[in-house]
Structures are given as structure tokens and as C-alpha cells.
Amino acid sequence: MGTLTFCINVTLDGCVDHREGIADEETHPLFTRLLDEAGAMLWGRTTYEMMESAWPAVARGDVEADATMREWAVKLDAKPKYVVSSTREDFPWANSHRIIGDLREGVQKLKDDTPAGVLLGSASLATELDRLDLIDEYRFLVHPRIAGHGPTLFEAGLPSTRRLELVSATPLRNGAIMTHYRRAD
């Protein structure tokens, strides 16, 4: 069985707005390595649609991008992508699949069927999956910024405090820190 790892950019004040992170020649390769190590991506519909609107065009070369962004886009395009949605049924982006039915069962099956692990990249879906005790690890790229707005990590709340064990913390030249935690409880 693979692990489910919640992986997201976050500011010091907990903002997970994708526009607040630092996207540069250091952060893109970092996320590309994480993508290489994982067997699949998991998103909610809103995040899927945001990603779908940008990255396939970069992968095809229709949009000008530096080499690190293009490498990320090409690998993301090829990676299996799973989407939780109750409102959308058609997911035409390459290698996209919808998880239907019971959320706990669907995500547990995905974990069971993906020994290399699954990267979860949606904040609101992470809250729901954390409530179901399905998240095994957390990788937060903490950016040296205070956004002063949301959305924020777990803003809808969790039923209890999650105790985590630090696996690693790696500082980047741009001031961000990649943290890796595992559930301790």
C-alpha cells in the first residue's frame, strides 16, 4: 500500500493561495522530484481545473516556459491524475480519472493500488481526507511570506490536533523551507 502525502505551498501565516508561493528554478525541480517519486496525483475538482487550464499547454509547448517549468508540465501530463468531484464527470486531460462513490473507499483503494504513493495537492480535499485519517505524510514548502489572506491550511477545521513527527527540513536559497512530516498518532 502506498502513502498519501499532502504536498502544498504555504506561507508563514498558512495561506495556500497558489499565487503567493515562489515559483523559480529551485522550487520547480523540487516538486518535479516529488512527482517522479509518486505514483499518482490526487486533486479536488477546483484544483484539477486550475491545473488543467495551465499545464497541458506548457507540456505541449504552446506556452513559453523555462526548462524547469516545462519538465514539470511534461511529467505532470504523463502522471496518472485522480479527481474527486460530485459535479463534473468528464476529465479529458491525459491520464485523468474520477474517483466516484464513497470518498474513504475510493481514496483507500487508490492508496492500495499505488505502491509508489499518491501526492495530494488540494487544500480543501486535504481537510476532508485528514478527517477520514487517510493522510500519512505532509510536505509543506513554507515560503518566507505573510499573505494576510486565505485560503489557509485546514480552515474548515479538524476534529482534533494532529501530532506529527519531523522527517526532514530543507532550506532553499530563496528562503523557503521544504518540510516533511509523518503522522505520529
N, C-alpha and C. Protein backbone atom coordinates (compact mmCIF):
# COMPACT_ATOMS: atom_id res chain seq x y z
N MET A 1 0.84 -1.18 0.00
CA MET A 1 0.00 0.00 0.00
C MET A 1 0.88 1.24 0.00
N GLY A 2 0.53 2.20 -0.84
CA GLY A 2 1.27 3.45 -0.91
C GLY A 2 0.78 4.45 0.12
N THR A 3 1.59 5.45 0.34
CA THR A 3 1.23 6.52 1.27
C THR A 3 0.50 7.63 0.54
N LEU A 4 -0.33 8.33 1.27
CA LEU A 4 -0.98 9.53 0.76
C LEU A 4 -0.27 10.70 1.42
N THR A 5 0.36 11.53 0.59
CA THR A 5 1.15 12.66 1.07
C THR A 5 0.51 13.96 0.62
N PHE A 6 0.10 14.78 1.59
CA PHE A 6 -0.42 16.10 1.29
C PHE A 6 0.77 17.01 1.06
N CYS A 7 0.87 17.56 -0.15
CA CYS A 7 2.02 18.36 -0.56
C CYS A 7 1.52 19.68 -1.13
N ILE A 8 1.94 20.79 -0.49
CA ILE A 8 1.40 22.08 -0.92
C ILE A 8 2.36 23.22 -0.55
N ASN A 9 2.24 24.31 -1.28
CA ASN A 9 2.94 25.55 -0.95
C ASN A 9 2.13 26.28 0.11
N VAL A 10 2.81 26.86 1.10
CA VAL A 10 2.13 27.57 2.17
C VAL A 10 3.00 28.74 2.63
N THR A 11 2.36 29.86 2.96
CA THR A 11 3.09 30.99 3.51
C THR A 11 3.22 30.82 5.02
N LEU A 12 3.99 31.67 5.64
CA LEU A 12 4.18 31.59 7.09
C LEU A 12 2.88 31.73 7.87
N ASP A 13 1.90 32.45 7.31
CA ASP A 13 0.62 32.60 8.01
C ASP A 13 -0.43 31.59 7.53
N GLY A 14 0.01 30.54 6.84
CA GLY A 14 -0.88 29.44 6.48
C GLY A 14 -1.63 29.58 5.18
N CYS A 15 -1.37 30.64 4.42
CA CYS A 15 -2.08 30.85 3.15
C CYS A 15 -1.61 29.83 2.11
N VAL A 16 -2.57 29.20 1.44
CA VAL A 16 -2.27 28.23 0.39
C VAL A 16 -2.72 28.70 -0.99
N ASP A 17 -2.88 30.00 -1.14
CA ASP A 17 -3.20 30.60 -2.44
C ASP A 17 -1.99 30.38 -3.35
N HIS A 18 -2.20 29.70 -4.47
CA HIS A 18 -1.08 29.34 -5.35
C HIS A 18 -0.31 30.55 -5.86
N ARG A 19 -0.91 31.71 -5.85
CA ARG A 19 -0.24 32.92 -6.36
C ARG A 19 0.75 33.50 -5.35
N GLU A 20 0.75 32.99 -4.12
CA GLU A 20 1.62 33.55 -3.07
C GLU A 20 2.95 32.83 -2.94
N GLY A 21 3.12 31.71 -3.60
CA GLY A 21 4.37 30.97 -3.49
C GLY A 21 5.43 31.48 -4.46
N ILE A 22 6.65 31.06 -4.23
CA ILE A 22 7.78 31.40 -5.09
C ILE A 22 7.94 30.27 -6.10
N ALA A 23 7.77 30.59 -7.37
CA ALA A 23 7.95 29.60 -8.44
C ALA A 23 9.24 29.98 -9.17
N ASP A 24 10.28 29.20 -8.96
CA ASP A 24 11.56 29.54 -9.57
C ASP A 24 12.34 28.28 -9.95
N GLU A 25 13.59 28.48 -10.36
CA GLU A 25 14.42 27.37 -10.83
C GLU A 25 14.80 26.40 -9.72
N GLU A 26 14.49 26.75 -8.48
CA GLU A 26 14.76 25.85 -7.36
C GLU A 26 13.50 25.09 -6.93
N THR A 27 12.36 25.76 -6.93
CA THR A 27 11.14 25.11 -6.45
C THR A 27 10.54 24.15 -7.48
N HIS A 28 10.58 24.50 -8.75
CA HIS A 28 10.01 23.59 -9.75
C HIS A 28 10.73 22.23 -9.79
N PRO A 29 12.06 22.20 -9.79
CA PRO A 29 12.72 20.89 -9.77
C PRO A 29 12.42 20.09 -8.50
N LEU A 30 12.24 20.78 -7.38
CA LEU A 30 11.90 20.11 -6.13
C LEU A 30 10.57 19.38 -6.27
N PHE A 31 9.57 20.08 -6.79
CA PHE A 31 8.26 19.44 -6.99
C PHE A 31 8.30 18.39 -8.09
N THR A 32 9.16 18.57 -9.08
CA THR A 32 9.31 17.56 -10.13
C THR A 32 9.87 16.26 -9.53
N ARG A 33 10.84 16.38 -8.62
CA ARG A 33 11.38 15.17 -7.96
C ARG A 33 10.30 14.46 -7.15
N LEU A 34 9.49 15.23 -6.43
CA LEU A 34 8.40 14.62 -5.67
C LEU A 34 7.42 13.91 -6.61
N LEU A 35 7.13 14.54 -7.73
CA LEU A 35 6.24 13.94 -8.73
C LEU A 35 6.85 12.65 -9.28
N ASP A 36 8.15 12.67 -9.56
CA ASP A 36 8.84 11.47 -10.06
C ASP A 36 8.73 10.30 -9.09
N GLU A 37 8.80 10.60 -7.80
CA GLU A 37 8.78 9.56 -6.77
C GLU A 37 7.39 8.99 -6.52
N ALA A 38 6.36 9.75 -6.86
CA ALA A 38 4.97 9.34 -6.60
C ALA A 38 4.40 8.56 -7.77
N GLY A 39 3.37 7.78 -7.46
CA GLY A 39 2.71 7.00 -8.49
C GLY A 39 1.53 7.72 -9.13
N ALA A 40 0.98 8.73 -8.42
CA ALA A 40 -0.20 9.42 -8.93
C ALA A 40 -0.40 10.73 -8.19
N MET A 41 -1.24 11.58 -8.78
CA MET A 41 -1.67 12.85 -8.17
C MET A 41 -3.14 12.71 -7.79
N LEU A 42 -3.54 13.43 -6.74
CA LEU A 42 -4.95 13.45 -6.32
C LEU A 42 -5.34 14.89 -6.05
N TRP A 43 -6.45 15.32 -6.65
CA TRP A 43 -6.94 16.68 -6.50
C TRP A 43 -8.45 16.69 -6.35
N GLY A 44 -8.96 17.78 -5.81
CA GLY A 44 -10.37 18.08 -5.90
C GLY A 44 -10.63 18.74 -7.25
N ARG A 45 -11.90 18.89 -7.60
CA ARG A 45 -12.25 19.45 -8.91
C ARG A 45 -11.68 20.84 -9.14
N THR A 46 -11.77 21.72 -8.16
CA THR A 46 -11.31 23.10 -8.34
C THR A 46 -9.82 23.14 -8.65
N THR A 47 -9.02 22.39 -7.91
CA THR A 47 -7.58 22.36 -8.16
C THR A 47 -7.30 21.72 -9.51
N TYR A 48 -8.00 20.63 -9.81
CA TYR A 48 -7.82 19.98 -11.11
C TYR A 48 -8.06 20.99 -12.24
N GLU A 49 -9.15 21.74 -12.15
CA GLU A 49 -9.48 22.69 -13.22
C GLU A 49 -8.44 23.80 -13.33
N MET A 50 -7.88 24.24 -12.20
CA MET A 50 -6.83 25.25 -12.24
C MET A 50 -5.59 24.67 -12.93
N MET A 51 -5.21 23.45 -12.57
CA MET A 51 -4.04 22.81 -13.17
C MET A 51 -4.28 22.52 -14.66
N GLU A 52 -5.47 22.04 -14.97
CA GLU A 52 -5.84 21.70 -16.35
C GLU A 52 -5.81 22.93 -17.25
N SER A 53 -6.12 24.09 -16.69
CA SER A 53 -6.16 25.31 -17.50
C SER A 53 -4.76 25.83 -17.85
N ALA A 54 -3.73 25.34 -17.17
CA ALA A 54 -2.40 25.88 -17.38
C ALA A 54 -1.38 24.87 -17.92
N TRP A 55 -1.24 23.74 -17.25
CA TRP A 55 -0.09 22.87 -17.50
C TRP A 55 -0.11 22.06 -18.80
N PRO A 56 -1.25 21.59 -19.32
CA PRO A 56 -1.19 20.88 -20.60
C PRO A 56 -0.61 21.73 -21.73
N ALA A 57 -0.95 23.02 -21.74
CA ALA A 57 -0.41 23.91 -22.79
C ALA A 57 1.10 24.07 -22.65
N VAL A 58 1.60 24.11 -21.43
CA VAL A 58 3.04 24.20 -21.21
C VAL A 58 3.70 22.90 -21.68
N ALA A 59 3.10 21.77 -21.35
CA ALA A 59 3.66 20.47 -21.76
C ALA A 59 3.72 20.34 -23.28
N ARG A 60 2.72 20.86 -23.97
CA ARG A 60 2.69 20.79 -25.44
C ARG A 60 3.64 21.79 -26.09
N GLY A 61 4.13 22.75 -25.32
CA GLY A 61 4.99 23.79 -25.89
C GLY A 61 4.21 24.95 -26.46
N ASP A 62 2.92 25.04 -26.18
CA ASP A 62 2.08 26.13 -26.67
C ASP A 62 2.31 27.43 -25.89
N VAL A 63 2.91 27.32 -24.73
CA VAL A 63 3.15 28.46 -23.86
C VAL A 63 4.64 28.52 -23.58
N GLU A 64 5.20 29.71 -23.64
CA GLU A 64 6.62 29.86 -23.35
C GLU A 64 6.87 29.63 -21.87
N ALA A 65 7.85 28.80 -21.58
CA ALA A 65 8.18 28.48 -20.19
C ALA A 65 9.65 28.08 -20.11
N ASP A 66 10.25 28.28 -18.93
CA ASP A 66 11.64 27.87 -18.79
C ASP A 66 11.71 26.35 -18.71
N ALA A 67 12.92 25.83 -18.76
CA ALA A 67 13.12 24.37 -18.84
C ALA A 67 12.57 23.65 -17.62
N THR A 68 12.69 24.24 -16.43
CA THR A 68 12.21 23.56 -15.22
C THR A 68 10.68 23.48 -15.21
N MET A 69 10.03 24.53 -15.68
CA MET A 69 8.56 24.50 -15.75
C MET A 69 8.08 23.51 -16.80
N ARG A 70 8.77 23.47 -17.93
CA ARG A 70 8.37 22.54 -18.99
C ARG A 70 8.57 21.09 -18.54
N GLU A 71 9.67 20.82 -17.86
CA GLU A 71 9.89 19.45 -17.36
C GLU A 71 8.77 19.04 -16.40
N TRP A 72 8.41 19.92 -15.47
CA TRP A 72 7.30 19.66 -14.54
C TRP A 72 6.03 19.37 -15.33
N ALA A 73 5.73 20.22 -16.31
CA ALA A 73 4.49 20.08 -17.08
C ALA A 73 4.44 18.77 -17.84
N VAL A 74 5.53 18.39 -18.47
CA VAL A 74 5.57 17.14 -19.26
C VAL A 74 5.37 15.94 -18.34
N LYS A 75 6.04 15.95 -17.20
CA LYS A 75 5.90 14.82 -16.27
C LYS A 75 4.52 14.78 -15.63
N LEU A 76 3.97 15.95 -15.34
CA LEU A 76 2.61 16.01 -14.79
C LEU A 76 1.60 15.51 -15.81
N ASP A 77 1.79 15.86 -17.06
CA ASP A 77 0.90 15.42 -18.12
C ASP A 77 0.86 13.89 -18.21
N ALA A 78 2.01 13.27 -18.02
CA ALA A 78 2.11 11.80 -18.14
C ALA A 78 1.64 11.07 -16.88
N LYS A 79 1.65 11.75 -15.74
CA LYS A 79 1.33 11.11 -14.46
C LYS A 79 -0.17 10.84 -14.34
N PRO A 80 -0.56 9.69 -13.78
CA PRO A 80 -1.98 9.47 -13.50
C PRO A 80 -2.49 10.54 -12.53
N LYS A 81 -3.64 11.10 -12.87
CA LYS A 81 -4.26 12.16 -12.07
C LYS A 81 -5.66 11.71 -11.67
N TYR A 82 -5.94 11.75 -10.39
CA TYR A 82 -7.24 11.33 -9.88
C TYR A 82 -7.95 12.55 -9.30
N VAL A 83 -9.26 12.61 -9.56
CA VAL A 83 -10.04 13.79 -9.18
C VAL A 83 -11.27 13.36 -8.40
N VAL A 84 -11.50 14.06 -7.29
CA VAL A 84 -12.72 13.87 -6.52
C VAL A 84 -13.67 14.98 -6.93
N SER A 85 -14.82 14.61 -7.49
CA SER A 85 -15.80 15.61 -7.91
C SER A 85 -17.19 14.99 -7.92
N SER A 86 -18.13 15.73 -7.36
CA SER A 86 -19.52 15.30 -7.43
C SER A 86 -20.28 16.04 -8.52
N THR A 87 -19.63 17.01 -9.15
CA THR A 87 -20.32 17.85 -10.13
C THR A 87 -19.81 17.70 -11.56
N ARG A 88 -18.63 17.19 -11.74
CA ARG A 88 -18.06 17.06 -13.08
C ARG A 88 -17.78 15.60 -13.35
N GLU A 89 -18.10 15.17 -14.57
CA GLU A 89 -17.91 13.77 -14.95
C GLU A 89 -16.84 13.58 -16.02
N ASP A 90 -16.57 14.61 -16.81
CA ASP A 90 -15.66 14.49 -17.94
C ASP A 90 -14.31 15.12 -17.57
N PHE A 91 -13.25 14.35 -17.68
CA PHE A 91 -11.91 14.81 -17.36
C PHE A 91 -10.97 14.45 -18.52
N PRO A 92 -10.93 15.31 -19.56
CA PRO A 92 -10.20 14.97 -20.78
C PRO A 92 -8.68 15.09 -20.72
N TRP A 93 -8.12 15.75 -19.72
CA TRP A 93 -6.67 15.87 -19.62
C TRP A 93 -6.08 14.47 -19.55
N ALA A 94 -4.98 14.26 -20.23
CA ALA A 94 -4.34 12.94 -20.32
C ALA A 94 -4.20 12.28 -18.94
N ASN A 95 -4.54 11.01 -18.91
CA ASN A 95 -4.37 10.18 -17.71
C ASN A 95 -5.17 10.66 -16.50
N SER A 96 -6.32 11.27 -16.74
CA SER A 96 -7.17 11.75 -15.64
C SER A 96 -8.30 10.77 -15.38
N HIS A 97 -8.58 10.57 -14.10
CA HIS A 97 -9.59 9.61 -13.69
C HIS A 97 -10.40 10.20 -12.55
N ARG A 98 -11.66 9.89 -12.52
CA ARG A 98 -12.54 10.39 -11.46
C ARG A 98 -12.71 9.32 -10.38
N ILE A 99 -12.63 9.75 -9.14
CA ILE A 99 -12.95 8.87 -8.01
C ILE A 99 -14.42 9.08 -7.71
N ILE A 100 -15.19 8.01 -7.81
CA ILE A 100 -16.63 8.11 -7.57
C ILE A 100 -17.01 7.22 -6.39
N GLY A 101 -18.18 7.48 -5.87
CA GLY A 101 -18.65 6.68 -4.74
C GLY A 101 -18.15 7.21 -3.42
N ASP A 102 -18.06 6.32 -2.46
CA ASP A 102 -17.63 6.67 -1.12
C ASP A 102 -16.20 7.20 -1.12
N LEU A 103 -15.98 8.38 -0.55
CA LEU A 103 -14.67 9.02 -0.57
C LEU A 103 -13.62 8.17 0.14
N ARG A 104 -13.92 7.68 1.32
CA ARG A 104 -12.96 6.87 2.07
C ARG A 104 -12.56 5.63 1.27
N GLU A 105 -13.55 4.92 0.75
CA GLU A 105 -13.26 3.70 -0.01
C GLU A 105 -12.47 4.00 -1.28
N GLY A 106 -12.86 5.05 -1.99
CA GLY A 106 -12.20 5.38 -3.25
C GLY A 106 -10.74 5.77 -3.05
N VAL A 107 -10.48 6.59 -2.05
CA VAL A 107 -9.09 7.02 -1.81
C VAL A 107 -8.28 5.88 -1.21
N GLN A 108 -8.87 5.08 -0.35
CA GLN A 108 -8.14 3.93 0.20
C GLN A 108 -7.77 2.95 -0.92
N LYS A 109 -8.68 2.73 -1.86
CA LYS A 109 -8.38 1.86 -3.00
C LYS A 109 -7.24 2.44 -3.83
N LEU A 110 -7.27 3.76 -4.05
CA LEU A 110 -6.18 4.41 -4.80
C LEU A 110 -4.85 4.19 -4.08
N LYS A 111 -4.82 4.37 -2.76
CA LYS A 111 -3.59 4.13 -2.00
C LYS A 111 -3.16 2.67 -2.13
N ASP A 112 -4.10 1.75 -1.99
CA ASP A 112 -3.79 0.32 -2.08
C ASP A 112 -3.23 -0.06 -3.45
N ASP A 113 -3.75 0.59 -4.49
CA ASP A 113 -3.36 0.27 -5.86
C ASP A 113 -2.14 1.05 -6.36
N THR A 114 -1.57 1.94 -5.51
CA THR A 114 -0.47 2.80 -5.93
C THR A 114 0.69 2.66 -4.95
N PRO A 115 1.50 1.61 -5.09
CA PRO A 115 2.58 1.38 -4.13
C PRO A 115 3.60 2.51 -4.05
N ALA A 116 3.77 3.27 -5.13
CA ALA A 116 4.74 4.38 -5.10
C ALA A 116 4.18 5.59 -4.35
N GLY A 117 2.91 5.55 -4.00
CA GLY A 117 2.31 6.63 -3.24
C GLY A 117 1.58 7.64 -4.10
N VAL A 118 0.76 8.43 -3.41
CA VAL A 118 -0.09 9.42 -4.06
C VAL A 118 0.21 10.79 -3.46
N LEU A 119 0.38 11.80 -4.32
CA LEU A 119 0.54 13.18 -3.86
C LEU A 119 -0.81 13.88 -3.92
N LEU A 120 -1.23 14.41 -2.81
CA LEU A 120 -2.47 15.15 -2.69
C LEU A 120 -2.14 16.63 -2.75
N GLY A 121 -2.77 17.36 -3.66
CA GLY A 121 -2.43 18.78 -3.84
C GLY A 121 -3.59 19.73 -3.71
N SER A 122 -4.62 19.39 -2.97
CA SER A 122 -5.79 20.26 -2.80
C SER A 122 -6.05 20.50 -1.32
N ALA A 123 -6.09 21.77 -0.93
CA ALA A 123 -6.25 22.10 0.48
C ALA A 123 -7.60 21.68 1.05
N SER A 124 -8.68 21.97 0.36
CA SER A 124 -9.99 21.62 0.91
C SER A 124 -10.20 20.11 0.92
N LEU A 125 -9.74 19.41 -0.10
CA LEU A 125 -9.83 17.95 -0.10
C LEU A 125 -8.96 17.36 1.01
N ALA A 126 -7.82 17.99 1.27
CA ALA A 126 -6.94 17.51 2.35
C ALA A 126 -7.67 17.54 3.69
N THR A 127 -8.48 18.57 3.92
CA THR A 127 -9.23 18.64 5.17
C THR A 127 -10.17 17.44 5.30
N GLU A 128 -10.88 17.13 4.22
CA GLU A 128 -11.81 16.00 4.25
C GLU A 128 -11.08 14.68 4.44
N LEU A 129 -9.95 14.51 3.76
CA LEU A 129 -9.20 13.26 3.86
C LEU A 129 -8.50 13.13 5.20
N ASP A 130 -8.09 14.26 5.78
CA ASP A 130 -7.50 14.21 7.12
C ASP A 130 -8.55 13.81 8.14
N ARG A 131 -9.77 14.31 7.99
CA ARG A 131 -10.86 13.92 8.89
C ARG A 131 -11.13 12.41 8.82
N LEU A 132 -10.84 11.82 7.67
CA LEU A 132 -11.03 10.38 7.48
C LEU A 132 -9.77 9.58 7.84
N ASP A 133 -8.77 10.25 8.37
CA ASP A 133 -7.49 9.61 8.76
C ASP A 133 -6.80 8.92 7.59
N LEU A 134 -6.87 9.50 6.41
CA LEU A 134 -6.27 8.88 5.23
C LEU A 134 -4.91 9.48 4.87
N ILE A 135 -4.56 10.65 5.40
CA ILE A 135 -3.28 11.27 5.06
C ILE A 135 -2.19 10.69 5.96
N ASP A 136 -1.11 10.24 5.31
CA ASP A 136 0.00 9.62 6.02
C ASP A 136 1.15 10.58 6.27
N GLU A 137 1.41 11.45 5.29
CA GLU A 137 2.55 12.36 5.38
C GLU A 137 2.16 13.74 4.86
N TYR A 138 2.97 14.72 5.25
CA TYR A 138 2.73 16.11 4.86
C TYR A 138 4.06 16.68 4.37
N ARG A 139 4.04 17.29 3.23
CA ARG A 139 5.22 18.01 2.70
C ARG A 139 4.76 19.42 2.38
N PHE A 140 5.22 20.34 3.21
CA PHE A 140 4.86 21.74 3.02
C PHE A 140 6.09 22.52 2.59
N LEU A 141 5.98 23.23 1.48
CA LEU A 141 7.02 24.17 1.09
C LEU A 141 6.60 25.50 1.69
N VAL A 142 7.27 25.87 2.78
CA VAL A 142 6.92 27.07 3.54
C VAL A 142 7.68 28.25 2.96
N HIS A 143 6.93 29.21 2.43
CA HIS A 143 7.52 30.38 1.76
C HIS A 143 7.70 31.52 2.76
N PRO A 144 8.78 32.29 2.60
CA PRO A 144 9.07 33.39 3.52
C PRO A 144 8.20 34.62 3.21
N ARG A 145 6.91 34.42 3.36
CA ARG A 145 5.94 35.47 3.06
C ARG A 145 4.80 35.41 4.05
N ILE A 146 4.22 36.56 4.33
CA ILE A 146 2.99 36.65 5.10
C ILE A 146 1.95 37.23 4.15
N ALA A 147 0.97 36.43 3.79
CA ALA A 147 -0.01 36.83 2.78
C ALA A 147 -1.10 37.72 3.36
N GLY A 148 -1.51 37.43 4.58
CA GLY A 148 -2.56 38.24 5.19
C GLY A 148 -3.95 37.93 4.67
N HIS A 149 -4.10 36.83 3.95
CA HIS A 149 -5.42 36.43 3.44
C HIS A 149 -5.45 34.91 3.28
N GLY A 150 -6.56 34.40 2.89
CA GLY A 150 -6.72 32.97 2.70
C GLY A 150 -6.76 32.63 1.24
N PRO A 151 -7.04 31.40 0.92
CA PRO A 151 -7.42 30.32 1.82
C PRO A 151 -6.23 29.86 2.65
N THR A 152 -6.53 29.23 3.77
CA THR A 152 -5.49 28.76 4.66
C THR A 152 -5.60 27.25 4.87
N LEU A 153 -4.52 26.68 5.38
CA LEU A 153 -4.50 25.26 5.69
C LEU A 153 -5.61 24.90 6.66
N PHE A 154 -6.36 23.89 6.35
CA PHE A 154 -7.37 23.31 7.24
C PHE A 154 -8.31 24.36 7.82
N GLU A 155 -8.67 25.37 7.02
CA GLU A 155 -9.51 26.45 7.52
C GLU A 155 -10.91 25.98 7.91
N ALA A 156 -11.35 24.86 7.40
CA ALA A 156 -12.66 24.33 7.80
C ALA A 156 -12.58 23.55 9.11
N GLY A 157 -11.37 23.37 9.63
CA GLY A 157 -11.19 22.72 10.92
C GLY A 157 -11.04 21.22 10.84
N LEU A 158 -10.42 20.68 11.87
CA LEU A 158 -10.25 19.24 12.04
C LEU A 158 -10.84 18.84 13.38
N PRO A 159 -11.23 17.59 13.54
CA PRO A 159 -11.86 17.17 14.80
C PRO A 159 -10.90 17.15 15.99
N SER A 160 -9.59 17.07 15.71
CA SER A 160 -8.62 17.05 16.80
C SER A 160 -7.26 17.48 16.26
N THR A 161 -6.36 17.76 17.16
CA THR A 161 -5.00 18.13 16.79
C THR A 161 -4.28 16.93 16.20
N ARG A 162 -3.53 17.16 15.14
CA ARG A 162 -2.72 16.12 14.51
C ARG A 162 -1.30 16.24 15.01
N ARG A 163 -0.80 15.18 15.62
CA ARG A 163 0.60 15.17 16.07
C ARG A 163 1.44 14.63 14.92
N LEU A 164 2.52 15.36 14.62
CA LEU A 164 3.39 15.00 13.51
C LEU A 164 4.82 14.80 13.98
N GLU A 165 5.53 13.97 13.25
CA GLU A 165 6.95 13.71 13.50
C GLU A 165 7.74 14.29 12.33
N LEU A 166 8.74 15.10 12.63
CA LEU A 166 9.56 15.70 11.58
C LEU A 166 10.45 14.63 10.94
N VAL A 167 10.36 14.53 9.62
CA VAL A 167 11.22 13.63 8.86
C VAL A 167 12.43 14.41 8.36
N SER A 168 12.17 15.61 7.80
CA SER A 168 13.27 16.45 7.32
C SER A 168 12.79 17.88 7.13
N ALA A 169 13.75 18.78 7.12
CA ALA A 169 13.50 20.19 6.81
C ALA A 169 14.70 20.68 6.00
N THR A 170 14.43 21.13 4.79
CA THR A 170 15.50 21.52 3.87
C THR A 170 15.33 22.97 3.45
N PRO A 171 16.27 23.84 3.85
CA PRO A 171 16.18 25.24 3.42
C PRO A 171 16.58 25.39 1.96
N LEU A 172 15.92 26.30 1.27
CA LEU A 172 16.25 26.61 -0.12
C LEU A 172 16.94 27.98 -0.16
N ARG A 173 17.65 28.24 -1.24
CA ARG A 173 18.36 29.52 -1.39
C ARG A 173 17.39 30.71 -1.40
N ASN A 174 16.16 30.49 -1.86
CA ASN A 174 15.20 31.60 -1.95
C ASN A 174 14.53 31.91 -0.60
N GLY A 175 14.92 31.20 0.45
CA GLY A 175 14.37 31.46 1.78
C GLY A 175 13.24 30.54 2.18
N ALA A 176 12.73 29.76 1.25
CA ALA A 176 11.68 28.79 1.57
C ALA A 176 12.30 27.59 2.27
N ILE A 177 11.47 26.83 2.96
CA ILE A 177 11.92 25.62 3.63
C ILE A 177 10.96 24.48 3.26
N MET A 178 11.52 23.40 2.73
CA MET A 178 10.70 22.22 2.44
C MET A 178 10.67 21.36 3.68
N THR A 179 9.47 21.19 4.23
CA THR A 179 9.31 20.36 5.42
C THR A 179 8.63 19.06 5.05
N HIS A 180 9.01 18.01 5.76
CA HIS A 180 8.42 16.69 5.52
C HIS A 180 8.08 16.11 6.90
N TYR A 181 6.79 15.86 7.10
CA TYR A 181 6.31 15.32 8.36
C TYR A 181 5.56 14.01 8.12
N ARG A 182 5.56 13.16 9.13
CA ARG A 182 4.81 11.92 9.11
C ARG A 182 3.86 11.96 10.31
N ARG A 183 2.70 11.38 10.17
CA ARG A 183 1.77 11.34 11.31
C ARG A 183 2.38 10.57 12.46
N ALA A 184 2.25 11.12 13.65
CA ALA A 184 2.80 10.47 14.84
C ALA A 184 1.73 9.74 15.62
N ASP A 185 0.47 10.06 15.38
CA ASP A 185 -0.62 9.43 16.15
C ASP A 185 -1.37 8.42 15.32
